[in-house]
N, C-alpha and C. Protein backbone atom coordinates (compact mmCIF):
# COMPACT_ATOMS: atom_id res chain seq x y z
N MET A 1 -197.62 27.40 -114.21
CA MET A 1 -197.17 26.39 -115.37
C MET A 1 -196.53 24.85 -115.01
N ASN A 2 -196.59 23.95 -115.62
CA ASN A 2 -196.28 22.95 -115.47
C ASN A 2 -195.01 22.04 -116.42
N HIS A 3 -194.31 22.53 -114.94
CA HIS A 3 -192.94 22.76 -115.48
C HIS A 3 -192.15 21.15 -115.82
N GLU A 4 -193.15 20.08 -115.59
CA GLU A 4 -192.77 18.25 -115.63
C GLU A 4 -193.08 18.61 -116.99
N GLU A 5 -194.53 19.14 -117.48
CA GLU A 5 -194.94 19.09 -119.05
C GLU A 5 -193.94 19.39 -120.25
N PHE A 6 -193.55 20.93 -119.76
CA PHE A 6 -192.19 21.67 -120.98
C PHE A 6 -191.50 20.37 -120.68
N ARG A 7 -190.97 20.01 -119.71
CA ARG A 7 -189.22 19.25 -119.33
C ARG A 7 -189.52 17.71 -120.23
N THR A 8 -190.88 17.27 -120.15
CA THR A 8 -191.30 16.10 -120.73
C THR A 8 -191.02 16.41 -122.62
N TYR A 9 -191.57 17.14 -122.98
CA TYR A 9 -191.73 17.80 -123.98
C TYR A 9 -190.17 18.26 -124.97
N VAL A 10 -189.12 18.80 -123.98
CA VAL A 10 -188.32 19.00 -124.94
C VAL A 10 -187.00 17.43 -124.34
N GLN A 11 -187.96 16.39 -123.37
CA GLN A 11 -186.95 15.32 -124.02
C GLN A 11 -187.14 14.45 -124.98
N SER A 12 -188.55 14.49 -125.03
CA SER A 12 -189.07 13.82 -125.80
C SER A 12 -188.81 14.73 -127.10
N ARG A 13 -188.92 15.30 -127.65
CA ARG A 13 -188.40 15.93 -128.75
C ARG A 13 -186.97 17.03 -129.37
N GLY A 14 -185.92 17.00 -128.09
CA GLY A 14 -185.24 17.90 -128.03
C GLY A 14 -184.01 17.66 -129.48
N ALA A 15 -184.17 15.60 -129.87
CA ALA A 15 -183.31 15.47 -131.16
C ALA A 15 -183.76 15.86 -131.59
N ALA A 16 -184.59 15.76 -132.50
CA ALA A 16 -185.67 16.25 -133.72
C ALA A 16 -185.31 17.48 -134.05
N LEU A 17 -185.77 18.52 -132.66
CA LEU A 17 -185.49 19.57 -132.80
C LEU A 17 -184.25 20.16 -133.14
N LEU A 18 -183.39 19.70 -132.50
CA LEU A 18 -182.16 19.80 -132.68
C LEU A 18 -181.40 20.00 -134.18
N ARG A 19 -181.95 18.58 -134.82
CA ARG A 19 -182.12 18.60 -136.29
C ARG A 19 -182.37 19.12 -137.11
N VAL A 20 -183.26 19.78 -136.87
CA VAL A 20 -183.98 20.96 -137.69
C VAL A 20 -183.19 22.72 -137.34
N ALA A 21 -182.57 22.48 -136.38
CA ALA A 21 -181.63 23.75 -135.84
C ALA A 21 -180.85 23.28 -136.72
N ASN A 22 -179.65 22.07 -136.76
CA ASN A 22 -178.81 22.31 -137.25
C ASN A 22 -178.62 22.51 -138.95
N GLN A 23 -179.77 22.33 -139.31
CA GLN A 23 -180.18 22.06 -140.72
C GLN A 23 -180.29 24.00 -140.59
N LEU A 24 -181.16 24.90 -139.91
CA LEU A 24 -181.37 25.95 -140.45
C LEU A 24 -179.91 27.11 -140.52
N THR A 25 -178.76 25.81 -139.36
CA THR A 25 -177.49 27.42 -138.61
C THR A 25 -176.69 26.57 -139.80
N GLY A 26 -176.11 25.63 -140.24
CA GLY A 26 -175.39 24.90 -140.46
C GLY A 26 -174.31 24.39 -140.05
N ASN A 27 -174.44 25.02 -138.24
CA ASN A 27 -173.10 24.90 -137.40
C ASN A 27 -173.57 23.99 -136.39
N PRO A 28 -173.32 22.97 -135.74
CA PRO A 28 -173.61 22.38 -134.79
C PRO A 28 -173.86 23.04 -133.08
N SER A 29 -172.33 23.76 -133.21
CA SER A 29 -172.68 24.70 -131.81
C SER A 29 -174.36 25.66 -132.19
N ASP A 30 -173.77 26.71 -133.28
CA ASP A 30 -175.35 27.72 -133.50
C ASP A 30 -176.25 26.84 -133.47
N ALA A 31 -176.27 25.68 -133.82
CA ALA A 31 -177.81 24.84 -133.60
C ALA A 31 -178.24 24.92 -132.29
N GLU A 32 -177.17 24.29 -131.56
CA GLU A 32 -177.59 24.30 -129.95
C GLU A 32 -177.96 24.85 -129.22
N ASP A 33 -177.25 26.84 -129.67
CA ASP A 33 -178.07 27.81 -129.57
C ASP A 33 -179.06 28.48 -129.67
N LEU A 34 -179.46 27.88 -130.72
CA LEU A 34 -180.86 28.84 -131.60
C LEU A 34 -181.76 27.84 -130.58
N LEU A 35 -181.41 26.42 -131.05
CA LEU A 35 -182.69 25.29 -129.94
C LEU A 35 -182.86 26.48 -128.28
N GLN A 36 -181.33 26.34 -127.88
CA GLN A 36 -181.91 26.62 -126.44
C GLN A 36 -182.84 28.01 -126.43
N THR A 37 -182.09 28.70 -127.55
CA THR A 37 -182.25 30.13 -127.18
C THR A 37 -183.87 30.38 -127.66
N ALA A 38 -184.91 28.93 -128.72
CA ALA A 38 -186.20 29.47 -129.26
C ALA A 38 -187.07 28.27 -128.03
N LEU A 39 -185.92 26.87 -127.26
CA LEU A 39 -186.76 26.60 -126.63
C LEU A 39 -186.87 27.53 -124.77
N ALA A 40 -186.39 28.81 -124.79
CA ALA A 40 -186.04 29.35 -123.77
C ALA A 40 -188.17 30.37 -123.88
N ARG A 41 -187.48 30.99 -125.22
CA ARG A 41 -188.82 31.81 -125.86
C ARG A 41 -190.23 30.91 -125.11
N THR A 42 -190.13 29.26 -125.66
CA THR A 42 -191.15 28.73 -125.62
C THR A 42 -191.55 28.74 -123.77
N TYR A 43 -190.65 28.04 -123.65
CA TYR A 43 -191.40 28.26 -121.88
C TYR A 43 -191.97 29.11 -121.60
N LEU A 44 -191.36 30.56 -121.74
CA LEU A 44 -191.84 31.76 -121.17
C LEU A 44 -193.04 31.99 -121.97
N ALA A 45 -193.75 31.38 -123.47
CA ALA A 45 -194.82 31.61 -123.74
C ALA A 45 -195.62 30.08 -123.52
N TRP A 46 -195.46 29.22 -122.85
CA TRP A 46 -195.63 27.76 -122.43
C TRP A 46 -197.73 27.89 -121.90
N ASP A 47 -198.00 28.98 -121.12
CA ASP A 47 -199.11 29.11 -120.19
C ASP A 47 -199.73 29.43 -122.31
N ARG A 48 -199.32 30.50 -122.61
CA ARG A 48 -200.39 30.92 -123.53
C ARG A 48 -201.08 29.80 -124.99
N ILE A 49 -199.82 28.44 -124.89
CA ILE A 49 -200.16 27.99 -125.94
C ILE A 49 -200.75 26.75 -125.64
N ARG A 50 -201.87 27.06 -125.66
CA ARG A 50 -202.85 25.98 -125.51
C ARG A 50 -202.95 25.09 -126.28
N ASP A 51 -202.67 24.66 -127.98
CA ASP A 51 -202.67 23.29 -128.57
C ASP A 51 -201.19 22.97 -128.65
N ARG A 52 -201.05 22.02 -127.64
CA ARG A 52 -200.12 21.57 -127.61
C ARG A 52 -199.30 20.93 -128.49
N SER A 53 -200.62 20.30 -129.41
CA SER A 53 -200.20 19.53 -130.37
C SER A 53 -199.53 20.10 -131.45
N SER A 54 -199.75 21.11 -131.54
CA SER A 54 -198.30 22.71 -131.89
C SER A 54 -197.13 23.20 -131.66
N LEU A 55 -196.83 22.26 -130.95
CA LEU A 55 -195.36 22.81 -129.90
C LEU A 55 -194.37 22.51 -130.79
N ASP A 56 -193.95 21.55 -131.92
CA ASP A 56 -192.95 21.74 -132.76
C ASP A 56 -193.10 22.72 -134.22
N GLY A 57 -194.24 23.06 -134.63
CA GLY A 57 -194.05 24.27 -135.30
C GLY A 57 -193.91 25.73 -134.41
N TYR A 58 -194.19 25.22 -133.54
CA TYR A 58 -194.01 26.86 -132.44
C TYR A 58 -192.25 27.50 -132.42
N VAL A 59 -191.68 25.73 -131.96
CA VAL A 59 -190.68 26.05 -131.99
C VAL A 59 -189.94 26.03 -133.07
N ARG A 60 -190.12 25.46 -134.06
CA ARG A 60 -189.61 26.00 -135.50
C ARG A 60 -189.65 27.10 -136.07
N ARG A 61 -190.70 27.72 -135.91
CA ARG A 61 -191.16 29.18 -136.34
C ARG A 61 -190.47 29.83 -135.31
N ALA A 62 -190.33 29.84 -133.74
CA ALA A 62 -188.99 30.52 -133.31
C ALA A 62 -187.97 30.33 -133.48
N MET A 63 -187.40 29.46 -133.87
CA MET A 63 -185.99 29.22 -134.08
C MET A 63 -185.65 30.26 -136.22
N VAL A 64 -186.84 29.97 -136.96
CA VAL A 64 -186.98 30.29 -137.86
C VAL A 64 -186.57 31.83 -137.42
N ASN A 65 -187.68 32.56 -136.90
CA ASN A 65 -187.46 34.30 -136.47
C ASN A 65 -185.68 34.10 -135.98
N ILE A 66 -185.19 33.71 -134.46
CA ILE A 66 -184.60 34.25 -134.66
C ILE A 66 -183.27 33.83 -135.01
N ASN A 67 -182.96 32.73 -135.76
CA ASN A 67 -182.18 32.91 -137.22
C ASN A 67 -181.91 33.84 -137.63
N ILE A 68 -183.24 34.64 -138.47
CA ILE A 68 -183.24 35.54 -139.29
C ILE A 68 -182.60 36.07 -138.49
N SER A 69 -182.92 36.57 -137.52
CA SER A 69 -182.54 38.52 -136.71
C SER A 69 -181.01 38.13 -136.37
N TRP A 70 -180.74 36.94 -135.92
CA TRP A 70 -179.22 36.39 -136.32
C TRP A 70 -178.26 36.77 -137.33
N TRP A 71 -178.83 36.50 -138.79
CA TRP A 71 -178.58 36.79 -140.02
C TRP A 71 -178.55 38.11 -139.99
N ARG A 72 -179.06 39.32 -139.47
CA ARG A 72 -179.01 40.27 -140.06
C ARG A 72 -178.07 41.01 -139.30
N ARG A 73 -177.92 40.35 -137.74
CA ARG A 73 -176.91 40.82 -137.10
C ARG A 73 -175.46 40.63 -137.45
N ARG A 74 -174.91 39.65 -138.38
CA ARG A 74 -173.63 39.36 -138.97
C ARG A 74 -173.40 40.05 -140.03
N LYS A 75 -171.86 39.97 -139.65
CA LYS A 75 -171.58 40.40 -140.61
C LYS A 75 -171.12 39.72 -141.93
N LEU A 76 -170.41 40.27 -142.76
CA LEU A 76 -170.23 39.52 -144.15
C LEU A 76 -168.94 38.97 -143.78
N GLU A 77 -168.82 37.41 -143.58
CA GLU A 77 -167.56 37.26 -142.56
C GLU A 77 -166.77 35.97 -144.06
N GLU A 78 -167.53 35.85 -144.91
CA GLU A 78 -167.09 35.14 -146.33
C GLU A 78 -167.62 35.58 -147.63
N TYR A 79 -166.47 36.02 -148.86
CA TYR A 79 -166.45 36.29 -149.31
C TYR A 79 -166.74 35.75 -150.54
N PRO A 80 -167.42 35.40 -152.02
CA PRO A 80 -167.29 35.12 -152.99
C PRO A 80 -165.99 35.12 -153.52
N SER A 81 -165.32 33.97 -154.38
CA SER A 81 -164.65 33.32 -155.34
C SER A 81 -164.83 33.26 -156.66
N GLU A 82 -163.56 33.91 -157.75
CA GLU A 82 -164.11 33.47 -158.98
C GLU A 82 -163.71 32.08 -159.39
N GLU A 83 -163.23 31.05 -158.85
CA GLU A 83 -162.48 29.84 -158.73
C GLU A 83 -162.94 29.14 -158.21
N LEU A 84 -163.51 28.54 -158.16
CA LEU A 84 -163.83 26.97 -156.97
C LEU A 84 -163.03 26.16 -157.13
N PRO A 85 -162.59 25.74 -155.93
CA PRO A 85 -161.25 24.65 -155.28
C PRO A 85 -161.64 23.72 -155.97
N ASP A 86 -160.54 22.61 -156.15
CA ASP A 86 -160.61 21.73 -156.35
C ASP A 86 -160.98 20.38 -155.41
N VAL A 87 -162.05 19.48 -155.62
CA VAL A 87 -162.77 19.09 -154.49
C VAL A 87 -162.85 17.52 -155.34
N PRO A 88 -161.63 16.92 -153.89
CA PRO A 88 -161.06 15.52 -153.76
C PRO A 88 -162.71 14.32 -154.00
N VAL A 89 -162.59 13.50 -155.18
CA VAL A 89 -164.29 12.52 -155.02
C VAL A 89 -164.01 11.49 -154.28
N GLN A 90 -165.06 11.10 -152.73
CA GLN A 90 -164.65 9.91 -152.33
C GLN A 90 -166.40 9.93 -152.25
N GLN A 91 -166.11 8.48 -152.01
CA GLN A 91 -167.35 7.44 -152.19
C GLN A 91 -168.22 7.20 -150.75
N ASP A 92 -167.78 7.49 -149.79
CA ASP A 92 -168.29 7.11 -148.84
C ASP A 92 -169.58 8.33 -148.43
N ALA A 93 -170.89 7.23 -147.45
CA ALA A 93 -171.49 7.82 -147.44
C ALA A 93 -171.95 9.21 -146.55
N ARG A 94 -170.90 9.15 -145.47
CA ARG A 94 -170.47 10.02 -144.28
C ARG A 94 -169.99 11.87 -145.24
N HIS A 95 -169.24 11.05 -146.59
CA HIS A 95 -168.41 11.90 -146.91
C HIS A 95 -169.68 12.95 -147.74
N ARG A 96 -170.58 12.11 -148.09
CA ARG A 96 -171.64 12.82 -149.04
C ARG A 96 -172.28 13.07 -148.61
N TYR A 97 -172.75 12.96 -146.78
CA TYR A 97 -173.84 13.94 -146.29
C TYR A 97 -172.72 14.96 -145.47
N ASP A 98 -171.44 15.12 -145.42
CA ASP A 98 -171.06 16.20 -145.13
C ASP A 98 -171.34 16.92 -146.00
N GLU A 99 -170.79 16.32 -147.52
CA GLU A 99 -170.69 17.44 -148.74
C GLU A 99 -172.12 17.84 -148.46
N LEU A 100 -173.04 17.48 -148.26
CA LEU A 100 -174.46 18.01 -149.01
C LEU A 100 -174.72 18.82 -147.62
N GLU A 101 -174.08 18.98 -145.87
CA GLU A 101 -174.19 19.95 -145.30
C GLU A 101 -173.25 20.77 -145.79
N GLN A 102 -172.33 20.96 -146.60
CA GLN A 102 -171.02 22.03 -146.70
C GLN A 102 -172.17 22.79 -147.90
N ALA A 103 -172.71 21.92 -148.47
CA ALA A 103 -173.58 22.77 -149.77
C ALA A 103 -174.52 23.47 -149.34
N LEU A 104 -175.62 22.97 -148.88
CA LEU A 104 -176.65 23.50 -148.20
C LEU A 104 -175.67 24.95 -146.82
N ASP A 105 -174.50 24.51 -146.47
CA ASP A 105 -174.07 25.89 -145.60
C ASP A 105 -173.97 27.36 -146.82
N ARG A 106 -173.69 27.16 -147.75
CA ARG A 106 -173.25 27.59 -149.05
C ARG A 106 -174.45 28.41 -149.65
N LEU A 107 -176.07 27.79 -149.18
CA LEU A 107 -176.53 28.33 -149.83
C LEU A 107 -177.26 29.86 -149.14
N PRO A 108 -177.26 30.54 -149.96
CA PRO A 108 -178.39 31.92 -148.67
C PRO A 108 -178.77 31.80 -148.18
N ALA A 109 -178.84 32.35 -146.82
CA ALA A 109 -180.18 31.87 -145.37
C ALA A 109 -181.59 31.52 -145.99
N ARG A 110 -182.20 32.48 -146.87
CA ARG A 110 -183.47 32.19 -146.95
C ARG A 110 -183.91 30.78 -148.19
N GLN A 111 -182.90 30.21 -148.70
CA GLN A 111 -182.82 29.68 -149.45
C GLN A 111 -182.58 28.11 -148.67
N ARG A 112 -181.49 28.50 -148.05
CA ARG A 112 -181.84 26.89 -146.85
C ARG A 112 -183.01 26.49 -146.12
N THR A 113 -182.81 27.78 -145.29
CA THR A 113 -183.88 27.51 -144.79
C THR A 113 -184.99 26.81 -145.42
N ALA A 114 -185.81 27.56 -146.60
CA ALA A 114 -187.02 27.10 -147.56
C ALA A 114 -186.91 25.37 -147.71
N ILE A 115 -184.79 25.42 -148.15
CA ILE A 115 -185.02 23.82 -148.81
C ILE A 115 -184.78 23.26 -147.25
N VAL A 116 -184.61 22.95 -146.14
CA VAL A 116 -185.19 22.92 -145.18
C VAL A 116 -185.62 22.46 -144.60
N LEU A 117 -186.77 23.47 -144.82
CA LEU A 117 -188.42 23.07 -144.03
C LEU A 117 -189.64 22.23 -145.04
N ARG A 118 -188.74 22.97 -146.44
CA ARG A 118 -189.69 21.60 -147.57
C ARG A 118 -189.17 19.92 -147.24
N TYR A 119 -187.94 20.31 -147.59
CA TYR A 119 -187.45 18.36 -147.67
C TYR A 119 -186.72 17.74 -146.08
N TYR A 120 -186.54 18.36 -145.24
CA TYR A 120 -186.21 17.89 -143.82
C TYR A 120 -187.63 18.38 -143.18
N GLU A 121 -188.04 18.72 -143.17
CA GLU A 121 -189.69 19.34 -142.29
C GLU A 121 -190.72 18.94 -143.16
N ASP A 122 -190.80 18.24 -143.83
CA ASP A 122 -191.63 18.30 -145.24
C ASP A 122 -193.01 18.56 -144.95
N MET A 123 -192.53 20.13 -145.16
CA MET A 123 -193.51 21.23 -144.73
C MET A 123 -194.41 21.23 -146.36
N THR A 124 -195.11 21.40 -146.73
CA THR A 124 -195.56 22.14 -147.68
C THR A 124 -194.94 23.46 -148.01
N GLU A 125 -195.82 23.86 -149.53
CA GLU A 125 -195.22 25.37 -149.95
C GLU A 125 -195.50 26.32 -149.01
N PRO A 126 -197.30 26.38 -149.09
CA PRO A 126 -198.35 27.14 -148.37
C PRO A 126 -198.10 27.39 -146.69
N GLU A 127 -197.61 25.83 -146.18
CA GLU A 127 -196.96 26.38 -144.61
C GLU A 127 -195.62 26.46 -144.71
N ILE A 128 -194.68 26.29 -145.74
CA ILE A 128 -193.38 27.23 -145.27
C ILE A 128 -193.61 28.92 -145.86
N ALA A 129 -194.44 29.26 -146.04
CA ALA A 129 -194.82 30.46 -146.99
C ALA A 129 -195.30 31.43 -145.40
N ARG A 130 -196.34 30.40 -144.78
CA ARG A 130 -197.03 30.78 -143.41
C ARG A 130 -195.70 31.51 -142.42
N THR A 131 -194.76 30.21 -142.25
CA THR A 131 -193.89 30.06 -141.72
C THR A 131 -193.08 31.12 -141.73
N LEU A 132 -192.54 31.46 -143.09
CA LEU A 132 -191.39 32.80 -143.00
C LEU A 132 -192.16 33.45 -143.05
N GLY A 133 -193.42 34.16 -143.87
CA GLY A 133 -194.26 35.28 -143.74
C GLY A 133 -193.58 35.75 -145.22
N ILE A 134 -193.86 34.93 -145.82
CA ILE A 134 -193.32 35.12 -147.57
C ILE A 134 -194.47 34.54 -148.11
N SER A 135 -194.46 34.94 -149.44
CA SER A 135 -195.43 34.26 -150.51
C SER A 135 -195.08 33.01 -150.96
N VAL A 136 -196.12 32.59 -151.45
CA VAL A 136 -195.47 31.26 -151.86
C VAL A 136 -195.52 30.97 -153.17
N GLY A 137 -195.33 32.36 -153.70
CA GLY A 137 -194.37 32.26 -155.16
C GLY A 137 -192.66 32.29 -154.67
N THR A 138 -192.76 33.64 -153.65
CA THR A 138 -190.79 33.60 -152.81
C THR A 138 -190.39 32.09 -152.48
N VAL A 139 -191.14 31.18 -152.24
CA VAL A 139 -190.95 30.28 -151.07
C VAL A 139 -190.86 28.92 -152.62
N LYS A 140 -191.65 28.84 -153.28
CA LYS A 140 -191.46 28.12 -155.07
C LYS A 140 -190.03 28.49 -155.40
N SER A 141 -189.79 29.97 -155.99
CA SER A 141 -188.91 30.60 -156.34
C SER A 141 -187.26 30.63 -155.18
N SER A 142 -187.72 30.20 -154.30
CA SER A 142 -186.35 30.46 -153.39
C SER A 142 -185.84 28.15 -153.14
N VAL A 143 -186.94 27.55 -153.06
CA VAL A 143 -186.37 26.42 -153.45
C VAL A 143 -186.20 25.40 -154.68
N SER A 144 -186.37 26.80 -155.77
CA SER A 144 -185.64 25.59 -156.79
C SER A 144 -184.46 26.57 -157.07
N ARG A 145 -184.50 27.59 -156.95
CA ARG A 145 -183.24 28.11 -156.88
C ARG A 145 -181.85 27.70 -156.27
N GLY A 146 -182.41 27.53 -154.92
CA GLY A 146 -181.55 26.48 -153.58
C GLY A 146 -181.01 25.30 -154.46
N MET A 147 -182.42 24.52 -155.05
CA MET A 147 -182.19 23.22 -155.47
C MET A 147 -181.17 22.77 -156.54
N ALA A 148 -180.93 24.32 -157.36
CA ALA A 148 -179.84 24.42 -159.04
C ALA A 148 -178.97 24.47 -158.30
N LYS A 149 -178.74 25.30 -157.04
CA LYS A 149 -177.16 26.09 -156.38
C LYS A 149 -176.59 24.51 -155.82
N LEU A 150 -177.43 23.59 -155.31
CA LEU A 150 -177.04 22.45 -154.65
C LEU A 150 -176.76 21.16 -155.47
N ARG A 151 -177.17 21.26 -156.61
CA ARG A 151 -177.46 20.76 -157.84
C ARG A 151 -175.82 20.99 -158.63
N GLY A 152 -175.56 22.16 -158.57
CA GLY A 152 -174.48 22.81 -159.13
C GLY A 152 -173.18 22.39 -158.26
N ASP A 153 -173.34 22.72 -156.96
CA ASP A 153 -172.33 23.06 -155.82
C ASP A 153 -171.65 21.30 -155.42
N LEU A 154 -172.88 20.11 -155.85
CA LEU A 154 -172.45 18.51 -155.62
C LEU A 154 -171.01 18.12 -156.40
N VAL A 155 -170.71 17.60 -156.17
CA VAL A 155 -169.68 17.13 -157.83
C VAL A 155 -170.20 15.58 -157.45
N ILE A 156 -170.50 14.87 -158.39
CA ILE A 156 -170.86 14.00 -158.69
C ILE A 156 -169.93 13.21 -159.67
N PRO A 157 -169.07 11.80 -158.83
CA PRO A 157 -168.14 11.66 -159.66
C PRO A 157 -168.71 10.65 -160.86
N ASP A 158 -167.72 10.40 -162.01
CA ASP A 158 -168.22 10.06 -163.36
C ASP A 158 -168.72 8.71 -163.37
N ALA A 159 -168.69 8.13 -162.22
CA ALA A 159 -168.82 6.22 -162.40
C ALA A 159 -170.20 6.38 -161.70
N CYS A 160 -170.91 7.37 -161.01
CA CYS A 160 -172.04 7.40 -160.65
C CYS A 160 -173.11 7.98 -161.70
N LYS A 161 -172.20 8.93 -162.58
CA LYS A 161 -173.52 9.54 -163.67
C LYS A 161 -174.16 8.23 -164.34
N ARG A 162 -175.41 8.88 -164.30
CA ARG A 162 -176.33 7.77 -165.29
C ARG A 162 -176.64 7.92 -167.37
N VAL A 163 -175.94 7.18 -167.92
CA VAL A 163 -176.02 7.25 -169.08
C VAL A 163 -177.33 7.36 -169.83
N ASN A 164 -177.64 8.42 -170.23
CA ASN A 164 -179.26 7.46 -171.62
C ASN A 164 -179.09 7.95 -172.52
């Protein structure tokens, strides 16, 4: 095993992979755990990975699989409510980014994963289907439903709405 090659890979790609992990989990602490677990698995499989250009895909797939396993083990800790809380409207970009992150966190796991892979990782629907082990139709419906929930969940100030 070439330990230096693995170390170089982690140093060069770690930040980008952590962003993906954060989008998958919605929690920085969980994202670090997810990435660390995926990198540990990658390290153990390092000698079997012949195509080094596919390492990012291997690690992303490992993160998705691990995250799915974690979802299945978790108990439901949040319960839906009939009334949405009042949300203050703020204009700053950081707030909008945080609001998007929170909206992503509220999506069901499959929808969030499909949206992250589609729009953050710029993967095609067939690539997502292969990565998640689901049909292209399921990817399309997951992305479509997730985006509809995001649109409904994100509050757009009246001043920012376009009048046609």
